[in-house]
C-alpha cells in the first residue's frame, strides 16, 4: 500500500479510530459526531475514483469497507462506489466475508442501484440474501427485486 492516496485514507481511518476509542456510548448515529468526515470523504474519493483496482490489496479493501461501515448514516462513501460500479462490484466481493454488517447491507442495497453488471450483481445479491444478519438479507432481497424487474 505505497500510494499517497492509500496512505491518506489510512491516516484518516486511523484518526477516526483514535477519536472513536474515546466514545463511551456507541449507539444510534454516534459516528456522525465525528467532525472530520470531510477529510475521510476526500481520501476515500481519491482512492475510489483515482486509483486502479489492480493496485488495491487486502489492506485497501479493509480501509474502504471500514470507512463505508462507519458512514452508514450519511452513505457518502456508498454513493462514491455507486458512481464507480467496477469498484462497487469488487468491494462487494470482499464484503461477503467482511464482519461488519453495516458495510454488507449498504453494499447489498447499492447493487440494486447500479446500471448494467446484471449477472455479477444478481450473483452477489443472491449471496448477500443468505447473510446471517436479517437486515442484510432484507436489503439484498429488495435490491434483487429491483434488478429482476
N, C-alpha and C. Protein backbone atom coordinates (compact mmCIF):
# COMPACT_ATOMS: atom_id res chain seq x y z
N UNK A 1 0.85 -1.18 0.00
CA UNK A 1 0.00 0.00 0.00
C UNK A 1 0.89 1.24 0.00
N UNK A 2 1.52 1.50 -1.11
CA UNK A 2 2.50 2.57 -1.16
C UNK A 2 1.99 3.87 -1.78
N UNK A 3 0.82 3.86 -2.35
CA UNK A 3 0.28 5.06 -2.97
C UNK A 3 0.00 6.13 -1.92
N UNK A 4 0.24 7.37 -2.29
CA UNK A 4 -0.06 8.50 -1.40
C UNK A 4 -1.55 8.50 -1.05
N UNK A 5 -2.39 8.18 -2.02
CA UNK A 5 -3.83 8.17 -1.77
C UNK A 5 -4.22 7.09 -0.77
N UNK A 6 -3.61 5.92 -0.89
CA UNK A 6 -3.90 4.85 0.06
C UNK A 6 -3.45 5.24 1.46
N UNK A 7 -2.26 5.84 1.54
CA UNK A 7 -1.74 6.27 2.85
C UNK A 7 -2.62 7.35 3.47
N UNK A 8 -3.14 8.23 2.65
CA UNK A 8 -4.02 9.29 3.14
C UNK A 8 -5.29 8.69 3.76
N UNK A 9 -5.88 7.72 3.07
CA UNK A 9 -7.07 7.07 3.62
C UNK A 9 -6.72 6.34 4.92
N UNK A 10 -5.57 5.69 4.95
CA UNK A 10 -5.14 5.01 6.17
C UNK A 10 -5.02 6.01 7.33
N UNK A 11 -4.43 7.15 7.07
CA UNK A 11 -4.28 8.17 8.12
C UNK A 11 -5.63 8.66 8.61
N UNK A 12 -6.57 8.85 7.69
CA UNK A 12 -7.89 9.34 8.09
C UNK A 12 -8.65 8.28 8.89
N UNK A 13 -8.54 7.03 8.49
CA UNK A 13 -9.19 5.95 9.24
C UNK A 13 -8.55 5.83 10.62
N UNK A 14 -7.25 5.94 10.69
CA UNK A 14 -6.56 5.88 11.99
C UNK A 14 -7.03 7.02 12.90
N UNK A 15 -7.18 8.22 12.33
CA UNK A 15 -7.66 9.37 13.12
C UNK A 15 -9.08 9.12 13.63
N UNK A 16 -9.93 8.55 12.77
CA UNK A 16 -11.29 8.23 13.20
C UNK A 16 -11.27 7.21 14.33
N UNK A 17 -10.47 6.16 14.17
CA UNK A 17 -10.39 5.12 15.20
C UNK A 17 -9.88 5.70 16.52
N UNK A 18 -8.93 6.60 16.44
CA UNK A 18 -8.42 7.26 17.65
C UNK A 18 -9.55 8.02 18.34
N UNK A 19 -10.30 8.78 17.56
CA UNK A 19 -11.44 9.52 18.10
C UNK A 19 -12.47 8.55 18.67
N UNK A 20 -12.80 7.50 17.92
CA UNK A 20 -13.83 6.55 18.34
C UNK A 20 -13.46 5.82 19.63
N UNK A 21 -12.17 5.65 19.87
CA UNK A 21 -11.76 4.95 21.09
C UNK A 21 -12.16 5.73 22.35
N UNK A 22 -12.41 7.02 22.20
CA UNK A 22 -12.84 7.83 23.33
C UNK A 22 -14.35 7.97 23.46
N UNK A 23 -15.08 7.40 22.52
CA UNK A 23 -16.55 7.47 22.57
C UNK A 23 -17.04 6.36 23.49
N UNK A 24 -17.70 6.75 24.57
CA UNK A 24 -18.10 5.74 25.55
C UNK A 24 -19.39 5.03 25.17
N UNK A 25 -20.33 5.73 24.56
CA UNK A 25 -21.59 5.09 24.16
C UNK A 25 -21.73 5.13 22.65
N UNK A 26 -21.62 3.96 22.05
CA UNK A 26 -21.71 3.86 20.59
C UNK A 26 -23.09 3.33 20.23
N UNK A 27 -24.05 4.24 20.24
CA UNK A 27 -25.43 3.87 19.89
C UNK A 27 -25.94 4.79 18.79
N UNK A 28 -26.91 4.29 18.09
CA UNK A 28 -27.57 5.11 17.08
C UNK A 28 -26.59 5.67 16.06
N UNK A 29 -26.59 6.96 15.95
CA UNK A 29 -25.81 7.65 14.93
C UNK A 29 -24.51 8.24 15.49
N UNK A 30 -23.86 7.52 16.39
CA UNK A 30 -22.67 8.05 17.08
C UNK A 30 -21.57 8.49 16.12
N UNK A 31 -21.44 7.82 15.00
CA UNK A 31 -20.36 8.16 14.05
C UNK A 31 -20.51 9.57 13.48
N UNK A 32 -21.75 10.04 13.39
CA UNK A 32 -21.98 11.36 12.80
C UNK A 32 -21.43 12.50 13.66
N UNK A 33 -21.07 12.20 14.89
CA UNK A 33 -20.50 13.21 15.79
C UNK A 33 -19.05 13.56 15.41
N UNK A 34 -18.43 12.72 14.60
CA UNK A 34 -17.04 12.95 14.20
C UNK A 34 -16.98 14.20 13.33
N UNK A 35 -16.06 15.10 13.64
CA UNK A 35 -16.01 16.39 12.95
C UNK A 35 -15.15 16.40 11.69
N UNK A 36 -14.44 15.33 11.42
CA UNK A 36 -13.51 15.31 10.29
C UNK A 36 -13.96 14.40 9.14
N UNK A 37 -15.27 14.22 8.99
CA UNK A 37 -15.76 13.36 7.92
C UNK A 37 -15.31 13.83 6.54
N UNK A 38 -15.25 15.13 6.33
CA UNK A 38 -14.84 15.62 5.00
C UNK A 38 -13.44 15.14 4.63
N UNK A 39 -12.56 15.03 5.61
CA UNK A 39 -11.22 14.51 5.33
C UNK A 39 -11.27 13.04 4.92
N UNK A 40 -12.13 12.28 5.59
CA UNK A 40 -12.31 10.87 5.20
C UNK A 40 -12.91 10.80 3.80
N UNK A 41 -13.94 11.60 3.54
CA UNK A 41 -14.58 11.58 2.23
C UNK A 41 -13.59 11.93 1.12
N UNK A 42 -12.78 12.94 1.34
CA UNK A 42 -11.80 13.33 0.31
C UNK A 42 -10.80 12.21 0.05
N UNK A 43 -10.32 11.58 1.11
CA UNK A 43 -9.36 10.48 0.95
C UNK A 43 -10.02 9.28 0.28
N UNK A 44 -11.25 8.97 0.68
CA UNK A 44 -11.96 7.84 0.08
C UNK A 44 -12.25 8.10 -1.40
N UNK A 45 -12.65 9.33 -1.72
CA UNK A 45 -12.93 9.67 -3.12
C UNK A 45 -11.68 9.52 -3.98
N UNK A 46 -10.54 9.90 -3.45
CA UNK A 46 -9.29 9.74 -4.20
C UNK A 46 -8.99 8.28 -4.48
N UNK A 47 -9.18 7.44 -3.47
CA UNK A 47 -8.92 6.01 -3.65
C UNK A 47 -9.94 5.40 -4.61
N UNK A 48 -11.22 5.67 -4.39
CA UNK A 48 -12.28 5.05 -5.19
C UNK A 48 -12.27 5.57 -6.62
N UNK A 49 -12.05 6.86 -6.80
CA UNK A 49 -12.15 7.44 -8.13
C UNK A 49 -10.87 7.55 -8.92
N UNK A 50 -9.74 7.53 -8.23
CA UNK A 50 -8.49 7.86 -8.91
C UNK A 50 -7.41 6.79 -8.85
N UNK A 51 -7.73 5.61 -8.36
CA UNK A 51 -6.74 4.53 -8.35
C UNK A 51 -7.28 3.34 -9.12
N UNK A 52 -6.38 2.48 -9.52
CA UNK A 52 -6.77 1.27 -10.25
C UNK A 52 -7.01 0.13 -9.27
N UNK A 53 -8.07 -0.62 -9.49
CA UNK A 53 -8.34 -1.78 -8.65
C UNK A 53 -7.18 -2.76 -8.65
N UNK A 54 -6.42 -2.78 -9.73
CA UNK A 54 -5.25 -3.66 -9.80
C UNK A 54 -4.21 -3.32 -8.73
N UNK A 55 -4.25 -2.08 -8.25
CA UNK A 55 -3.30 -1.64 -7.22
C UNK A 55 -3.81 -1.86 -5.80
N UNK A 56 -5.06 -2.27 -5.68
CA UNK A 56 -5.64 -2.48 -4.36
C UNK A 56 -5.16 -3.81 -3.79
N UNK A 57 -4.91 -3.82 -2.50
CA UNK A 57 -4.60 -5.07 -1.80
C UNK A 57 -5.61 -5.24 -0.66
N UNK A 58 -5.45 -6.26 0.14
CA UNK A 58 -6.40 -6.54 1.21
C UNK A 58 -6.53 -5.36 2.17
N UNK A 59 -5.43 -4.66 2.43
CA UNK A 59 -5.46 -3.53 3.36
C UNK A 59 -6.33 -2.39 2.81
N UNK A 60 -6.27 -2.16 1.51
CA UNK A 60 -7.08 -1.09 0.91
C UNK A 60 -8.56 -1.46 0.98
N UNK A 61 -8.89 -2.70 0.65
CA UNK A 61 -10.29 -3.13 0.77
C UNK A 61 -10.78 -2.97 2.21
N UNK A 62 -9.95 -3.31 3.17
CA UNK A 62 -10.31 -3.17 4.58
C UNK A 62 -10.60 -1.71 4.93
N UNK A 63 -9.76 -0.80 4.45
CA UNK A 63 -9.97 0.63 4.70
C UNK A 63 -11.29 1.12 4.11
N UNK A 64 -11.56 0.71 2.88
CA UNK A 64 -12.79 1.14 2.21
C UNK A 64 -14.00 0.56 2.92
N UNK A 65 -13.94 -0.71 3.27
CA UNK A 65 -15.07 -1.34 3.97
C UNK A 65 -15.28 -0.75 5.36
N UNK A 66 -14.20 -0.50 6.08
CA UNK A 66 -14.33 0.10 7.41
C UNK A 66 -14.96 1.49 7.30
N UNK A 67 -14.46 2.30 6.36
CA UNK A 67 -15.00 3.65 6.16
C UNK A 67 -16.47 3.60 5.78
N UNK A 68 -16.80 2.69 4.89
CA UNK A 68 -18.18 2.51 4.47
C UNK A 68 -19.07 2.15 5.66
N UNK A 69 -18.63 1.21 6.46
CA UNK A 69 -19.43 0.77 7.61
C UNK A 69 -19.67 1.91 8.59
N UNK A 70 -18.67 2.73 8.82
CA UNK A 70 -18.81 3.84 9.77
C UNK A 70 -19.65 4.97 9.19
N UNK A 71 -19.73 5.07 7.87
CA UNK A 71 -20.51 6.11 7.20
C UNK A 71 -21.93 5.61 6.90
N UNK A 72 -22.46 4.75 7.75
CA UNK A 72 -23.73 4.08 7.46
C UNK A 72 -24.95 4.98 7.57
N UNK A 73 -24.83 6.14 8.15
CA UNK A 73 -25.98 7.06 8.23
C UNK A 73 -26.04 8.00 7.04
N UNK A 74 -24.91 8.53 6.64
CA UNK A 74 -24.87 9.52 5.57
C UNK A 74 -24.72 8.86 4.20
N UNK A 75 -23.96 7.78 4.13
CA UNK A 75 -23.79 6.96 2.93
C UNK A 75 -23.06 7.66 1.78
N UNK A 76 -22.23 8.63 2.07
CA UNK A 76 -21.46 9.28 1.01
C UNK A 76 -20.46 8.32 0.37
N UNK A 77 -19.82 7.50 1.18
CA UNK A 77 -18.83 6.57 0.63
C UNK A 77 -19.52 5.53 -0.25
N UNK A 78 -20.73 5.16 0.12
CA UNK A 78 -21.50 4.24 -0.71
C UNK A 78 -21.80 4.88 -2.06
N UNK A 79 -22.22 6.15 -2.07
CA UNK A 79 -22.54 6.82 -3.32
C UNK A 79 -21.31 6.96 -4.22
N UNK A 80 -20.15 7.12 -3.62
CA UNK A 80 -18.91 7.16 -4.42
C UNK A 80 -18.75 5.84 -5.17
N UNK A 81 -19.08 4.75 -4.51
CA UNK A 81 -18.94 3.44 -5.14
C UNK A 81 -20.01 3.22 -6.21
N UNK A 82 -21.21 3.73 -5.98
CA UNK A 82 -22.27 3.61 -6.98
C UNK A 82 -21.84 4.33 -8.26
N UNK A 83 -21.11 5.43 -8.12
CA UNK A 83 -20.62 6.17 -9.29
C UNK A 83 -19.50 5.44 -10.01
N UNK A 84 -18.95 4.42 -9.37
CA UNK A 84 -17.88 3.60 -9.95
C UNK A 84 -18.26 2.13 -9.79
N UNK A 85 -19.19 1.64 -10.63
CA UNK A 85 -19.72 0.28 -10.46
C UNK A 85 -18.66 -0.81 -10.39
N UNK A 86 -17.55 -0.63 -11.12
CA UNK A 86 -16.50 -1.65 -11.07
C UNK A 86 -15.89 -1.74 -9.68
N UNK A 87 -15.80 -0.61 -8.99
CA UNK A 87 -15.31 -0.60 -7.61
C UNK A 87 -16.35 -1.24 -6.70
N UNK A 88 -17.61 -0.88 -6.88
CA UNK A 88 -18.68 -1.45 -6.05
C UNK A 88 -18.68 -2.97 -6.14
N UNK A 89 -18.59 -3.51 -7.34
CA UNK A 89 -18.61 -4.96 -7.51
C UNK A 89 -17.37 -5.60 -6.86
N UNK A 90 -16.22 -4.98 -7.02
CA UNK A 90 -15.00 -5.52 -6.40
C UNK A 90 -15.11 -5.48 -4.87
N UNK A 91 -15.61 -4.38 -4.33
CA UNK A 91 -15.78 -4.26 -2.88
C UNK A 91 -16.85 -5.24 -2.40
N UNK A 92 -17.90 -5.42 -3.19
CA UNK A 92 -18.96 -6.36 -2.82
C UNK A 92 -18.42 -7.77 -2.66
N UNK A 93 -17.54 -8.17 -3.56
CA UNK A 93 -16.94 -9.50 -3.44
C UNK A 93 -16.19 -9.66 -2.12
N UNK A 94 -15.50 -8.62 -1.69
CA UNK A 94 -14.78 -8.67 -0.40
C UNK A 94 -15.75 -8.55 0.77
N UNK A 95 -16.82 -7.79 0.58
CA UNK A 95 -17.78 -7.56 1.67
C UNK A 95 -18.51 -8.84 2.08
N UNK A 96 -18.62 -9.79 1.18
CA UNK A 96 -19.29 -11.05 1.52
C UNK A 96 -18.70 -11.68 2.77
N UNK A 97 -17.40 -11.53 2.97
CA UNK A 97 -16.72 -12.12 4.13
C UNK A 97 -16.37 -11.08 5.20
N UNK A 98 -16.82 -9.85 5.02
CA UNK A 98 -16.49 -8.79 5.97
C UNK A 98 -17.38 -8.91 7.20
N UNK A 99 -16.80 -8.72 8.36
CA UNK A 99 -17.53 -8.99 9.61
C UNK A 99 -18.57 -7.95 9.98
N UNK A 100 -18.44 -6.73 9.52
CA UNK A 100 -19.35 -5.66 9.94
C UNK A 100 -20.56 -5.58 9.00
N UNK A 101 -21.72 -5.89 9.54
CA UNK A 101 -22.94 -5.90 8.72
C UNK A 101 -23.33 -4.51 8.24
N UNK A 102 -22.82 -3.45 8.88
CA UNK A 102 -23.12 -2.09 8.42
C UNK A 102 -22.55 -1.85 7.02
N UNK A 103 -21.48 -2.52 6.68
CA UNK A 103 -20.94 -2.43 5.32
C UNK A 103 -21.73 -3.34 4.38
N UNK A 104 -22.06 -4.54 4.84
CA UNK A 104 -22.72 -5.51 3.96
C UNK A 104 -24.10 -5.04 3.50
N UNK A 105 -24.91 -4.47 4.40
CA UNK A 105 -26.25 -4.07 3.97
C UNK A 105 -26.18 -2.92 2.97
N UNK A 106 -25.22 -2.01 3.15
CA UNK A 106 -25.09 -0.90 2.21
C UNK A 106 -24.69 -1.39 0.82
N UNK A 107 -23.75 -2.31 0.79
CA UNK A 107 -23.31 -2.88 -0.48
C UNK A 107 -24.48 -3.59 -1.16
N UNK A 108 -25.22 -4.37 -0.40
CA UNK A 108 -26.37 -5.08 -0.97
C UNK A 108 -27.37 -4.09 -1.56
N UNK A 109 -27.66 -3.05 -0.82
CA UNK A 109 -28.58 -2.02 -1.32
C UNK A 109 -28.06 -1.41 -2.62
N UNK A 110 -26.79 -1.04 -2.64
CA UNK A 110 -26.21 -0.36 -3.80
C UNK A 110 -26.17 -1.24 -5.04
N UNK A 111 -26.02 -2.53 -4.86
CA UNK A 111 -26.01 -3.43 -6.02
C UNK A 111 -27.33 -3.38 -6.78
N UNK A 112 -28.38 -2.97 -6.12
CA UNK A 112 -29.67 -2.79 -6.79
C UNK A 112 -29.80 -1.46 -7.50
N UNK A 113 -28.85 -0.57 -7.28
CA UNK A 113 -28.91 0.78 -7.83
C UNK A 113 -28.08 0.99 -9.10
N UNK A 114 -27.06 0.18 -9.30
CA UNK A 114 -26.14 0.45 -10.41
C UNK A 114 -26.71 -0.04 -11.74
N UNK A 115 -26.29 0.62 -12.79
CA UNK A 115 -26.69 0.25 -14.14
C UNK A 115 -25.81 -0.90 -14.63
N UNK A 116 -26.39 -1.78 -15.42
CA UNK A 116 -25.62 -2.87 -16.02
C UNK A 116 -25.11 -3.84 -14.98
N UNK A 117 -24.12 -4.62 -15.36
CA UNK A 117 -23.49 -5.60 -14.48
C UNK A 117 -24.52 -6.53 -13.84
N UNK A 118 -25.58 -6.86 -14.60
CA UNK A 118 -26.67 -7.66 -14.06
C UNK A 118 -26.24 -9.01 -13.53
N UNK A 119 -25.48 -9.75 -14.32
CA UNK A 119 -25.11 -11.10 -13.91
C UNK A 119 -24.31 -11.08 -12.61
N UNK A 120 -23.30 -10.20 -12.54
CA UNK A 120 -22.49 -10.10 -11.33
C UNK A 120 -23.32 -9.64 -10.14
N UNK A 121 -24.15 -8.63 -10.36
CA UNK A 121 -24.95 -8.09 -9.27
C UNK A 121 -25.95 -9.10 -8.74
N UNK A 122 -26.61 -9.81 -9.63
CA UNK A 122 -27.59 -10.82 -9.20
C UNK A 122 -26.89 -11.94 -8.43
N UNK A 123 -25.73 -12.37 -8.90
CA UNK A 123 -24.99 -13.40 -8.17
C UNK A 123 -24.63 -12.91 -6.77
N UNK A 124 -24.07 -11.70 -6.68
CA UNK A 124 -23.67 -11.17 -5.37
C UNK A 124 -24.88 -10.98 -4.46
N UNK A 125 -25.96 -10.47 -5.01
CA UNK A 125 -27.16 -10.27 -4.20
C UNK A 125 -27.72 -11.60 -3.70
N UNK A 126 -27.64 -12.62 -4.52
CA UNK A 126 -28.10 -13.94 -4.04
C UNK A 126 -27.25 -14.41 -2.88
N UNK A 127 -25.96 -14.10 -2.91
CA UNK A 127 -25.08 -14.45 -1.79
C UNK A 127 -25.41 -13.61 -0.54
N UNK A 128 -25.63 -12.31 -0.73
CA UNK A 128 -26.00 -11.46 0.40
C UNK A 128 -27.36 -11.85 0.97
N UNK A 129 -28.23 -12.40 0.14
CA UNK A 129 -29.56 -12.80 0.63
C UNK A 129 -29.48 -14.00 1.57
N UNK A 130 -28.31 -14.60 1.69
CA UNK A 130 -28.09 -15.72 2.61
C UNK A 130 -27.27 -15.28 3.83
N UNK A 131 -27.10 -13.98 4.02
CA UNK A 131 -26.30 -13.45 5.12
C UNK A 131 -26.88 -13.89 6.47
N UNK A 132 -26.04 -13.92 7.49
CA UNK A 132 -26.52 -14.32 8.81
C UNK A 132 -27.23 -13.20 9.55
N UNK A 133 -27.22 -11.98 9.00
CA UNK A 133 -27.92 -10.85 9.60
C UNK A 133 -29.18 -10.56 8.79
N UNK A 134 -30.31 -10.54 9.48
CA UNK A 134 -31.60 -10.37 8.79
C UNK A 134 -31.66 -9.08 7.97
N UNK A 135 -31.16 -7.97 8.51
CA UNK A 135 -31.24 -6.71 7.79
C UNK A 135 -30.47 -6.77 6.48
N UNK A 136 -29.34 -7.42 6.46
CA UNK A 136 -28.57 -7.59 5.22
C UNK A 136 -29.38 -8.41 4.24
N UNK A 137 -29.98 -9.49 4.71
CA UNK A 137 -30.80 -10.35 3.83
C UNK A 137 -31.95 -9.55 3.24
N UNK A 138 -32.63 -8.76 4.07
CA UNK A 138 -33.78 -7.97 3.58
C UNK A 138 -33.34 -6.96 2.53
N UNK A 139 -32.23 -6.27 2.78
CA UNK A 139 -31.74 -5.28 1.80
C UNK A 139 -31.34 -5.96 0.50
N UNK A 140 -30.74 -7.13 0.61
CA UNK A 140 -30.33 -7.88 -0.59
C UNK A 140 -31.54 -8.33 -1.39
N UNK A 141 -32.54 -8.84 -0.71
CA UNK A 141 -33.74 -9.31 -1.41
C UNK A 141 -34.48 -8.15 -2.08
N UNK A 142 -34.54 -7.00 -1.41
CA UNK A 142 -35.18 -5.83 -2.02
C UNK A 142 -34.40 -5.39 -3.26
N UNK A 143 -33.09 -5.38 -3.17
CA UNK A 143 -32.25 -4.99 -4.32
C UNK A 143 -32.37 -6.00 -5.45
N UNK A 144 -32.45 -7.26 -5.09
CA UNK A 144 -32.61 -8.32 -6.09
C UNK A 144 -33.92 -8.12 -6.84
N UNK A 145 -34.97 -7.76 -6.12
CA UNK A 145 -36.25 -7.48 -6.76
C UNK A 145 -36.15 -6.33 -7.75
N UNK A 146 -35.40 -5.29 -7.40
CA UNK A 146 -35.22 -4.16 -8.32
C UNK A 146 -34.43 -4.57 -9.55
N UNK A 147 -33.46 -5.45 -9.40
CA UNK A 147 -32.62 -5.88 -10.53
C UNK A 147 -33.40 -6.76 -11.50
N UNK A 148 -34.34 -7.52 -10.99
CA UNK A 148 -35.01 -8.52 -11.82
C UNK A 148 -36.30 -8.00 -12.45
N UNK A 149 -36.58 -6.73 -12.32
CA UNK A 149 -37.78 -6.15 -12.95
C UNK A 149 -37.61 -6.03 -14.44
